[in-house]
Each structure stands twice: as structure tokens, then as C-alpha cells.
């Protein structure tokens, strides 16, 4: 059951060729803890460029990281940032904002939101590239685990106003499942011990993601698939920056 749920999570959250089966998808939807567990797998892959710290300029390593993010996770979750950006600039009520989410036209809000997230991701990676190798890897992994824990929080606490991708998770998860999510995610906080960098990245990613979740819930009147995507992308960016700040101040 656990391995099946993990396979479903990896299949949903990445472009890795793990296969897609109904059993894995069903097990994943009922297992919010699989989000952060998959975060360890994704984080380990995204941390590979930082293993070569010192062998290439920081800017090159940061660029390789951004490319790795897009190659491993794809752009589906980034689409949530774009849709949320367009909805945020709509002058209207919640129903009008939700209508914008269905519009395939890319507006200025989407361009601005995606641009800010990608810029923040690149600059965060540049900061991480300046850390000691072990600390850099720990921050990347912890940030990924934290942002996936943020997505799990959306699944456990979100309320979906209509059927859709978001409802696939929110209808099967409860707030009591958060204890399992925390149990899986917390070990990532000690990866950079005695430096607090990993703990900062983990907490920053969770807090950043949950803040976006709360904001979009008010803006849209509920949770949908775009909220999950936006939480994932923003949480990762915040996690990287907080991790670097925590190391700098320690």
C-alpha cells in the first residue's frame, strides 16, 4: 500500500517514467503523507547539480537546477501559478475569478506571476549554490519536502466548491491526516545539522505554501487544482530563500 501510494505520488508530481495505474492513483489520493515522501525522491534528483559545487560557477549550477526542476517536475504545476496570477488581477467577484481559471488565454497576470516565481527560483538557487555542498543538498531536499507537505496540507484542509482535480484529494483527506504528513516531513529538518539551513528551508516552504493556499482560498472561495500547483511552486521558492537566510544568520 505504501509503495503503491508513493508510486502514485511520484507519477502525479513528476515526469518520471514510473507508470500510471488506477491502483496507484487511488492509493495516493487517500494518502496525504505520500506528498512529502515523494518530496524526498524529487529533492534528491533536483539536488544533483549542487553535488558539483566548485566544479562550475554558481550561476551555471543555479541554471542547471532550474532546468532540472522543469525536466523532473514539468510545467503542469507552474500552470497553477499562471492561472492564479490571472485570477488575482480580475476586477470582479469569486465566480468571475474562477471563470478566468478556465480561460486558456494567457494574461498579464499570468506572465507576471510566472516571471516572479521563475526569477525567485533562479535567485534562490544562486544563493544555495554559494553554500557548502552538504548544506546546499540538504536545503534543496528540505525545500522540496516542505513544499510537498504544503500540498498535503491543502489536501487535508482545503474545501473544493466543485468537482475537479482538487476534489480528488480534498474529499479523501482529513485534518487528522496532518500528523502523518508531519511525521514524514520533519526528518528533513536535520539534514544540515548543526546548521539550521534545512530546518529553515522546510519551515519556509510549508509556511510559504500555506500562505498561498489561504490567500487563494479567500480569493477563489475554495480549493482547486490550480491552488495545489501554486502552493507547490511558491513553497519551493520560499523554502530555498529561507534556507539560505537561515544558514547566513547561523
C-alpha atoms as a PDB file:
ATOM      1  CA  UNK A   1       0.000   0.000   0.000  1.00  0.00           C
ATOM      2  CA  UNK A   2       2.738   2.491   0.969  1.00  0.00           C
ATOM      3  CA  UNK A   3       4.827   1.778  -2.124  1.00  0.00           C
ATOM      4  CA  UNK A   4       1.749   1.967  -4.314  1.00  0.00           C
ATOM      5  CA  UNK A   5       0.813   5.357  -2.850  1.00  0.00           C
ATOM      6  CA  UNK A   6       4.389   6.584  -3.313  1.00  0.00           C
ATOM      7  CA  UNK A   7       4.366   5.469  -6.940  1.00  0.00           C
ATOM      8  CA  UNK A   8       1.119   7.332  -7.453  1.00  0.00           C
ATOM      9  CA  UNK A   9       2.593  10.455  -5.864  1.00  0.00           C
ATOM     10  CA  UNK A  10       5.757  10.339  -7.969  1.00  0.00           C
ATOM     11  CA  UNK A  11       3.694   9.744 -11.086  1.00  0.00           C
ATOM     12  CA  UNK A  12       1.495  12.756 -10.328  1.00  0.00           C
ATOM     13  CA  UNK A  13       4.198  15.141  -9.127  1.00  0.00           C
ATOM     14  CA  UNK A  14       6.901  14.374 -11.693  1.00  0.00           C
ATOM     15  CA  UNK A  15       7.567  13.337 -15.263  1.00  0.00           C
ATOM     16  CA  UNK A  16       9.475  10.249 -14.151  1.00  0.00           C
ATOM     17  CA  UNK A  17       8.516   7.051 -16.026  1.00  0.00           C
ATOM     18  CA  UNK A  18       7.022   5.201 -13.061  1.00  0.00           C
ATOM     19  CA  UNK A  19       3.830   4.300 -14.881  1.00  0.00           C
ATOM     20  CA  UNK A  20       0.267   5.348 -14.129  1.00  0.00           C
ATOM     21  CA  UNK A  21      -2.184   2.836 -12.734  1.00  0.00           C
ATOM     22  CA  UNK A  22      -5.614   3.271 -11.188  1.00  0.00           C
ATOM     23  CA  UNK A  23      -4.484   1.469  -8.028  1.00  0.00           C
ATOM     24  CA  UNK A  24      -1.530   3.841  -7.532  1.00  0.00           C
ATOM     25  CA  UNK A  25      -3.686   6.905  -8.186  1.00  0.00           C
ATOM     26  CA  UNK A  26      -6.360   5.728  -5.748  1.00  0.00           C
ATOM     27  CA  UNK A  27      -3.817   4.895  -3.039  1.00  0.00           C
ATOM     28  CA  UNK A  28      -2.112   8.274  -3.441  1.00  0.00           C
ATOM     29  CA  UNK A  29      -5.336  10.275  -3.190  1.00  0.00           C
ATOM     30  CA  UNK A  30      -6.106   8.578   0.126  1.00  0.00           C
ATOM     31  CA  UNK A  31      -2.567   9.062   1.499  1.00  0.00           C
ATOM     32  CA  UNK A  32      -1.592  12.733   2.038  1.00  0.00           C
ATOM     33  CA  UNK A  33       1.681  11.612   3.681  1.00  0.00           C
ATOM     34  CA  UNK A  34       2.792  10.398   0.248  1.00  0.00           C
ATOM     35  CA  UNK A  35       3.249  14.040  -0.818  1.00  0.00           C
ATOM     36  CA  UNK A  36       6.277  14.744   1.425  1.00  0.00           C
ATOM     37  CA  UNK A  37       7.573  11.201   0.965  1.00  0.00           C
ATOM     38  CA  UNK A  38       7.731  11.842  -2.776  1.00  0.00           C
ATOM     39  CA  UNK A  39       9.404  15.153  -1.924  1.00  0.00           C
ATOM     40  CA  UNK A  40      12.481  13.256  -0.744  1.00  0.00           C
ATOM     41  CA  UNK A  41      12.721  11.500  -4.104  1.00  0.00           C
ATOM     42  CA  UNK A  42      12.190  14.681  -6.116  1.00  0.00           C
ATOM     43  CA  UNK A  43      14.507  16.704  -3.876  1.00  0.00           C
ATOM     44  CA  UNK A  44      17.327  14.181  -4.241  1.00  0.00           C
ATOM     45  CA  UNK A  45      17.105  14.423  -8.031  1.00  0.00           C
ATOM     46  CA  UNK A  46      16.963  18.219  -8.032  1.00  0.00           C
ATOM     47  CA  UNK A  47      19.982  18.397  -5.704  1.00  0.00           C
ATOM     48  CA  UNK A  48      22.289  16.676  -8.202  1.00  0.00           C
ATOM     49  CA  UNK A  49      23.634  19.945  -9.723  1.00  0.00           C
ATOM     50  CA  UNK A  50      24.824  21.055  -6.275  1.00  0.00           C
ATOM     51  CA  UNK A  51      26.944  17.926  -5.886  1.00  0.00           C
ATOM     52  CA  UNK A  52      29.250  19.540  -8.437  1.00  0.00           C
ATOM     53  CA  UNK A  53      29.647  22.681  -6.335  1.00  0.00           C
ATOM     54  CA  UNK A  54      33.087  24.100  -7.057  1.00  0.00           C
ATOM     55  CA  UNK A  55      33.353  22.349 -10.410  1.00  0.00           C
ATOM     56  CA  UNK A  56      31.216  25.005 -12.100  1.00  0.00           C
ATOM     57  CA  UNK A  57      30.358  28.677 -11.456  1.00  0.00           C
ATOM     58  CA  UNK A  58      27.390  29.305  -9.105  1.00  0.00           C
ATOM     59  CA  UNK A  59      25.368  30.786 -11.960  1.00  0.00           C
ATOM     60  CA  UNK A  60      25.818  27.622 -14.014  1.00  0.00           C
ATOM     61  CA  UNK A  61      24.804  25.408 -11.099  1.00  0.00           C
ATOM     62  CA  UNK A  62      21.741  27.557 -10.455  1.00  0.00           C
ATOM     63  CA  UNK A  63      20.753  27.349 -14.114  1.00  0.00           C
ATOM     64  CA  UNK A  64      21.197  23.574 -14.082  1.00  0.00           C
ATOM     65  CA  UNK A  65      18.918  23.413 -11.028  1.00  0.00           C
ATOM     66  CA  UNK A  66      16.151  25.397 -12.736  1.00  0.00           C
ATOM     67  CA  UNK A  67      16.438  23.164 -15.793  1.00  0.00           C
ATOM     68  CA  UNK A  68      16.276  20.116 -13.513  1.00  0.00           C
ATOM     69  CA  UNK A  69      13.098  21.419 -11.867  1.00  0.00           C
ATOM     70  CA  UNK A  70      11.398  21.769 -15.249  1.00  0.00           C
ATOM     71  CA  UNK A  71      12.760  18.463 -16.539  1.00  0.00           C
ATOM     72  CA  UNK A  72      11.801  16.424 -13.464  1.00  0.00           C
ATOM     73  CA  UNK A  73       8.523  18.055 -12.452  1.00  0.00           C
ATOM     74  CA  UNK A  74       7.289  19.507 -15.739  1.00  0.00           C
ATOM     75  CA  UNK A  75       5.239  22.687 -16.077  1.00  0.00           C
ATOM     76  CA  UNK A  76       1.799  21.462 -15.009  1.00  0.00           C
ATOM     77  CA  UNK A  77       2.164  22.912 -11.509  1.00  0.00           C
ATOM     78  CA  UNK A  78       3.560  26.157 -12.931  1.00  0.00           C
ATOM     79  CA  UNK A  79       0.301  26.440 -14.843  1.00  0.00           C
ATOM     80  CA  UNK A  80      -1.388  26.846 -11.464  1.00  0.00           C
ATOM     81  CA  UNK A  81       0.764  29.930 -10.836  1.00  0.00           C
ATOM     82  CA  UNK A  82      -0.236  31.346 -14.214  1.00  0.00           C
ATOM     83  CA  UNK A  83      -3.956  30.788 -13.647  1.00  0.00           C
ATOM     84  CA  UNK A  84      -3.772  32.187 -10.112  1.00  0.00           C
ATOM     85  CA  UNK A  85      -1.961  35.249 -11.447  1.00  0.00           C
ATOM     86  CA  UNK A  86      -4.696  35.921 -13.992  1.00  0.00           C
ATOM     87  CA  UNK A  87      -7.438  35.400 -11.394  1.00  0.00           C
ATOM     88  CA  UNK A  88      -5.730  37.773  -8.973  1.00  0.00           C
ATOM     89  CA  UNK A  89      -5.936  40.731 -11.340  1.00  0.00           C
ATOM     90  CA  UNK A  90      -9.615  40.250 -12.208  1.00  0.00           C
ATOM     91  CA  UNK A  91     -11.872  43.070 -11.016  1.00  0.00           C
ATOM     92  CA  UNK A  92     -14.892  41.046 -10.047  1.00  0.00           C
ATOM     93  CA  UNK A  93     -16.327  38.524  -7.623  1.00  0.00           C
ATOM     94  CA  UNK A  94     -15.187  34.985  -6.897  1.00  0.00           C
ATOM     95  CA  UNK A  95     -17.282  33.427  -9.639  1.00  0.00           C
ATOM     96  CA  UNK A  96     -15.662  35.710 -12.231  1.00  0.00           C
ATOM     97  CA  UNK A  97     -12.211  34.836 -10.920  1.00  0.00           C
ATOM     98  CA  UNK A  98     -12.993  31.141 -11.137  1.00  0.00           C
ATOM     99  CA  UNK A  99     -14.127  31.608 -14.731  1.00  0.00           C
ATOM    100  CA  UNK A 100     -10.730  33.072 -15.566  1.00  0.00           C
ATOM    101  CA  UNK A 101      -9.114  29.838 -14.374  1.00  0.00           C
ATOM    102  CA  UNK A 102     -10.861  28.007 -17.207  1.00  0.00           C
ATOM    103  CA  UNK A 103      -9.762  30.538 -19.841  1.00  0.00           C
ATOM    104  CA  UNK A 104      -6.849  29.280 -21.949  1.00  0.00           C
ATOM    105  CA  UNK A 105      -5.789  32.825 -22.817  1.00  0.00           C
ATOM    106  CA  UNK A 106      -2.590  33.913 -21.056  1.00  0.00           C
ATOM    107  CA  UNK A 107      -2.992  37.350 -19.491  1.00  0.00           C
ATOM    108  CA  UNK A 108      -0.609  39.848 -17.988  1.00  0.00           C
ATOM    109  CA  UNK A 109      -1.298  38.484 -14.508  1.00  0.00           C
ATOM    110  CA  UNK A 110      -0.112  35.042 -15.574  1.00  0.00           C
ATOM    111  CA  UNK A 111       3.028  36.399 -17.207  1.00  0.00           C
ATOM    112  CA  UNK A 112       3.897  38.471 -14.144  1.00  0.00           C
ATOM    113  CA  UNK A 113       3.233  35.636 -11.680  1.00  0.00           C
ATOM    114  CA  UNK A 114       5.262  33.048 -13.610  1.00  0.00           C
ATOM    115  CA  UNK A 115       8.057  35.561 -14.175  1.00  0.00           C
ATOM    116  CA  UNK A 116       8.322  36.377 -10.471  1.00  0.00           C
ATOM    117  CA  UNK A 117       8.309  32.702  -9.486  1.00  0.00           C
ATOM    118  CA  UNK A 118      10.997  31.741 -12.010  1.00  0.00           C
ATOM    119  CA  UNK A 119      13.122  34.721 -11.034  1.00  0.00           C
ATOM    120  CA  UNK A 120      12.754  33.851  -7.378  1.00  0.00           C
ATOM    121  CA  UNK A 121      13.626  30.229  -8.134  1.00  0.00           C
ATOM    122  CA  UNK A 122      16.765  31.175 -10.044  1.00  0.00           C
ATOM    123  CA  UNK A 123      17.954  33.650  -7.421  1.00  0.00           C
ATOM    124  CA  UNK A 124      17.206  31.187  -4.628  1.00  0.00           C
ATOM    125  CA  UNK A 125      19.223  28.524  -6.433  1.00  0.00           C
ATOM    126  CA  UNK A 126      22.066  31.008  -6.886  1.00  0.00           C
ATOM    127  CA  UNK A 127      22.081  31.586  -3.135  1.00  0.00           C
ATOM    128  CA  UNK A 128      22.058  27.852  -2.454  1.00  0.00           C
ATOM    129  CA  UNK A 129      24.986  27.399  -4.857  1.00  0.00           C
ATOM    130  CA  UNK A 130      27.048  29.568  -2.519  1.00  0.00           C
ATOM    131  CA  UNK A 131      26.541  27.198   0.419  1.00  0.00           C
ATOM    132  CA  UNK A 132      28.808  24.270   1.354  1.00  0.00           C
ATOM    133  CA  UNK A 133      27.964  21.246  -0.754  1.00  0.00           C
ATOM    134  CA  UNK A 134      26.331  19.180   2.012  1.00  0.00           C
ATOM    135  CA  UNK A 135      24.283  22.134   3.209  1.00  0.00           C
ATOM    136  CA  UNK A 136      23.186  23.013  -0.317  1.00  0.00           C
ATOM    137  CA  UNK A 137      21.926  19.482  -0.943  1.00  0.00           C
ATOM    138  CA  UNK A 138      20.138  19.474   2.417  1.00  0.00           C
ATOM    139  CA  UNK A 139      18.396  22.775   1.659  1.00  0.00           C
ATOM    140  CA  UNK A 140      17.192  21.614  -1.761  1.00  0.00           C
ATOM    141  CA  UNK A 141      15.803  18.354  -0.382  1.00  0.00           C
ATOM    142  CA  UNK A 142      14.199  20.011   2.649  1.00  0.00           C
ATOM    143  CA  UNK A 143      12.605  22.704   0.494  1.00  0.00           C
ATOM    144  CA  UNK A 144      11.104  20.049  -1.758  1.00  0.00           C
ATOM    145  CA  UNK A 145       9.809  18.009   1.171  1.00  0.00           C
ATOM    146  CA  UNK A 146       8.362  21.173   2.702  1.00  0.00           C
ATOM    147  CA  UNK A 147       6.594  22.292  -0.436  1.00  0.00           C
ATOM    148  CA  UNK A 148       5.059  18.844  -0.843  1.00  0.00           C
ATOM    149  CA  UNK A 149       3.968  18.969   2.800  1.00  0.00           C
ATOM    150  CA  UNK A 150       2.277  22.249   1.896  1.00  0.00           C
ATOM    151  CA  UNK A 151       0.371  20.475  -0.878  1.00  0.00           C
ATOM    152  CA  UNK A 152      -0.631  17.777   1.595  1.00  0.00           C
ATOM    153  CA  UNK A 153      -1.948  20.499   3.890  1.00  0.00           C
ATOM    154  CA  UNK A 154      -4.132  21.768   1.055  1.00  0.00           C
ATOM    155  CA  UNK A 155      -5.483  18.239   0.590  1.00  0.00           C
ATOM    156  CA  UNK A 156      -6.250  17.923   4.308  1.00  0.00           C
ATOM    157  CA  UNK A 157      -7.728  21.373   4.947  1.00  0.00           C
ATOM    158  CA  UNK A 158      -8.989  22.523   1.561  1.00  0.00           C
ATOM    159  CA  UNK A 159     -12.640  22.669   0.567  1.00  0.00           C
ATOM    160  CA  UNK A 160     -13.427  22.284  -3.128  1.00  0.00           C
ATOM    161  CA  UNK A 161     -16.551  24.091  -4.397  1.00  0.00           C
ATOM    162  CA  UNK A 162     -16.935  21.814  -7.434  1.00  0.00           C
ATOM    163  CA  UNK A 163     -15.753  18.515  -8.850  1.00  0.00           C
ATOM    164  CA  UNK A 164     -12.293  18.509 -10.354  1.00  0.00           C
ATOM    165  CA  UNK A 165      -8.700  17.614  -9.645  1.00  0.00           C
ATOM    166  CA  UNK A 166      -8.699  19.393  -6.282  1.00  0.00           C
ATOM    167  CA  UNK A 167     -11.730  17.434  -5.130  1.00  0.00           C
ATOM    168  CA  UNK A 168      -9.917  14.181  -5.895  1.00  0.00           C
ATOM    169  CA  UNK A 169      -7.712  14.938  -2.877  1.00  0.00           C
ATOM    170  CA  UNK A 170      -9.803  17.081  -0.536  1.00  0.00           C
ATOM    171  CA  UNK A 171     -12.701  14.617  -0.451  1.00  0.00           C
ATOM    172  CA  UNK A 172     -10.421  11.791   0.674  1.00  0.00           C
ATOM    173  CA  UNK A 173      -8.233  13.570   3.226  1.00  0.00           C
ATOM    174  CA  UNK A 174      -8.970  14.978   6.684  1.00  0.00           C
ATOM    175  CA  UNK A 175      -7.159  17.301   9.073  1.00  0.00           C
ATOM    176  CA  UNK A 176      -6.265  14.285  11.218  1.00  0.00           C
ATOM    177  CA  UNK A 177      -4.012  13.115   8.374  1.00  0.00           C
ATOM    178  CA  UNK A 178      -1.685  16.061   9.023  1.00  0.00           C
ATOM    179  CA  UNK A 179       0.051  14.166  11.823  1.00  0.00           C
ATOM    180  CA  UNK A 180       1.259  11.586   9.325  1.00  0.00           C
ATOM    181  CA  UNK A 181       2.366  14.329   6.960  1.00  0.00           C
ATOM    182  CA  UNK A 182       4.392  15.981   9.735  1.00  0.00           C
ATOM    183  CA  UNK A 183       5.967  12.668  10.771  1.00  0.00           C
ATOM    184  CA  UNK A 184       7.229  12.086   7.238  1.00  0.00           C
ATOM    185  CA  UNK A 185       8.410  15.663   6.642  1.00  0.00           C
ATOM    186  CA  UNK A 186      10.149  16.555   9.927  1.00  0.00           C
ATOM    187  CA  UNK A 187      13.275  14.381   9.474  1.00  0.00           C
ATOM    188  CA  UNK A 188      14.311  16.653   6.589  1.00  0.00           C
ATOM    189  CA  UNK A 189      14.879  19.450   9.111  1.00  0.00           C
ATOM    190  CA  UNK A 190      18.034  17.805  10.480  1.00  0.00           C
ATOM    191  CA  UNK A 191      19.760  17.080   7.179  1.00  0.00           C
ATOM    192  CA  UNK A 192      22.106  20.047   7.564  1.00  0.00           C
ATOM    193  CA  UNK A 193      22.737  19.618  11.308  1.00  0.00           C
ATOM    194  CA  UNK A 194      24.187  21.516  13.142  1.00  0.00           C
ATOM    195  CA  UNK A 195      23.271  24.248  10.662  1.00  0.00           C
ATOM    196  CA  UNK A 196      19.586  25.293  10.770  1.00  0.00           C
ATOM    197  CA  UNK A 197      19.543  25.732   6.981  1.00  0.00           C
ATOM    198  CA  UNK A 198      17.486  22.600   6.253  1.00  0.00           C
ATOM    199  CA  UNK A 199      15.041  23.388   9.044  1.00  0.00           C
ATOM    200  CA  UNK A 200      14.647  26.882   7.626  1.00  0.00           C
ATOM    201  CA  UNK A 201      14.029  25.514   4.146  1.00  0.00           C
ATOM    202  CA  UNK A 202      11.450  23.029   5.417  1.00  0.00           C
ATOM    203  CA  UNK A 203       9.548  25.551   7.521  1.00  0.00           C
ATOM    204  CA  UNK A 204       9.819  28.268   4.885  1.00  0.00           C
ATOM    205  CA  UNK A 205       8.393  26.013   2.183  1.00  0.00           C
ATOM    206  CA  UNK A 206       5.468  24.926   4.359  1.00  0.00           C
ATOM    207  CA  UNK A 207       4.665  28.436   5.559  1.00  0.00           C
ATOM    208  CA  UNK A 208       5.039  29.929   2.081  1.00  0.00           C
ATOM    209  CA  UNK A 209       2.800  27.288   0.557  1.00  0.00           C
ATOM    210  CA  UNK A 210       0.146  27.512   3.254  1.00  0.00           C
ATOM    211  CA  UNK A 211       0.102  31.312   2.949  1.00  0.00           C
ATOM    212  CA  UNK A 212      -0.614  30.990  -0.785  1.00  0.00           C
ATOM    213  CA  UNK A 213      -3.286  28.382  -0.015  1.00  0.00           C
ATOM    214  CA  UNK A 214      -5.040  30.690   2.456  1.00  0.00           C
ATOM    215  CA  UNK A 215      -4.825  33.661   0.089  1.00  0.00           C
ATOM    216  CA  UNK A 216      -6.177  31.766  -2.918  1.00  0.00           C
ATOM    217  CA  UNK A 217      -8.940  30.178  -0.846  1.00  0.00           C
ATOM    218  CA  UNK A 218     -10.217  33.644   0.055  1.00  0.00           C
ATOM    219  CA  UNK A 219      -9.707  34.900  -3.496  1.00  0.00           C
ATOM    220  CA  UNK A 220     -11.441  31.975  -5.208  1.00  0.00           C
ATOM    221  CA  UNK A 221     -13.802  30.789  -2.491  1.00  0.00           C
ATOM    222  CA  UNK A 222     -12.314  27.315  -2.367  1.00  0.00           C
ATOM    223  CA  UNK A 223      -9.572  24.966  -3.490  1.00  0.00           C
ATOM    224  CA  UNK A 224      -8.907  23.530  -6.928  1.00  0.00           C
ATOM    225  CA  UNK A 225      -6.041  22.006  -8.884  1.00  0.00           C
ATOM    226  CA  UNK A 226      -4.514  25.409  -9.605  1.00  0.00           C
ATOM    227  CA  UNK A 227      -4.191  26.048  -5.878  1.00  0.00           C
ATOM    228  CA  UNK A 228      -2.182  22.847  -5.480  1.00  0.00           C
ATOM    229  CA  UNK A 229       0.113  23.893  -8.318  1.00  0.00           C
ATOM    230  CA  UNK A 230       0.648  27.410  -6.995  1.00  0.00           C
ATOM    231  CA  UNK A 231       1.377  26.120  -3.490  1.00  0.00           C
ATOM    232  CA  UNK A 232       3.978  23.727  -4.890  1.00  0.00           C
ATOM    233  CA  UNK A 233       5.837  26.327  -6.931  1.00  0.00           C
ATOM    234  CA  UNK A 234       5.760  29.198  -4.428  1.00  0.00           C
ATOM    235  CA  UNK A 235       6.595  26.935  -1.484  1.00  0.00           C
ATOM    236  CA  UNK A 236       9.760  25.716  -3.208  1.00  0.00           C
ATOM    237  CA  UNK A 237      10.939  29.281  -3.870  1.00  0.00           C
ATOM    238  CA  UNK A 238      10.299  30.450  -0.317  1.00  0.00           C
ATOM    239  CA  UNK A 239      11.964  27.347   1.095  1.00  0.00           C
ATOM    240  CA  UNK A 240      15.182  27.938  -0.842  1.00  0.00           C
ATOM    241  CA  UNK A 241      15.434  31.575   0.236  1.00  0.00           C
ATOM    242  CA  UNK A 242      14.654  30.914   3.891  1.00  0.00           C
ATOM    243  CA  UNK A 243      17.170  28.077   3.934  1.00  0.00           C
ATOM    244  CA  UNK A 244      19.916  30.374   2.631  1.00  0.00           C
ATOM    245  CA  UNK A 245      18.969  33.097   5.128  1.00  0.00           C
ATOM    246  CA  UNK A 246      18.983  30.584   7.998  1.00  0.00           C
ATOM    247  CA  UNK A 247      22.488  29.446   7.057  1.00  0.00           C
ATOM    248  CA  UNK A 248      23.697  33.037   6.684  1.00  0.00           C
ATOM    249  CA  UNK A 249      22.419  34.053  10.113  1.00  0.00           C
ATOM    250  CA  UNK A 250      23.675  30.933  11.902  1.00  0.00           C
END
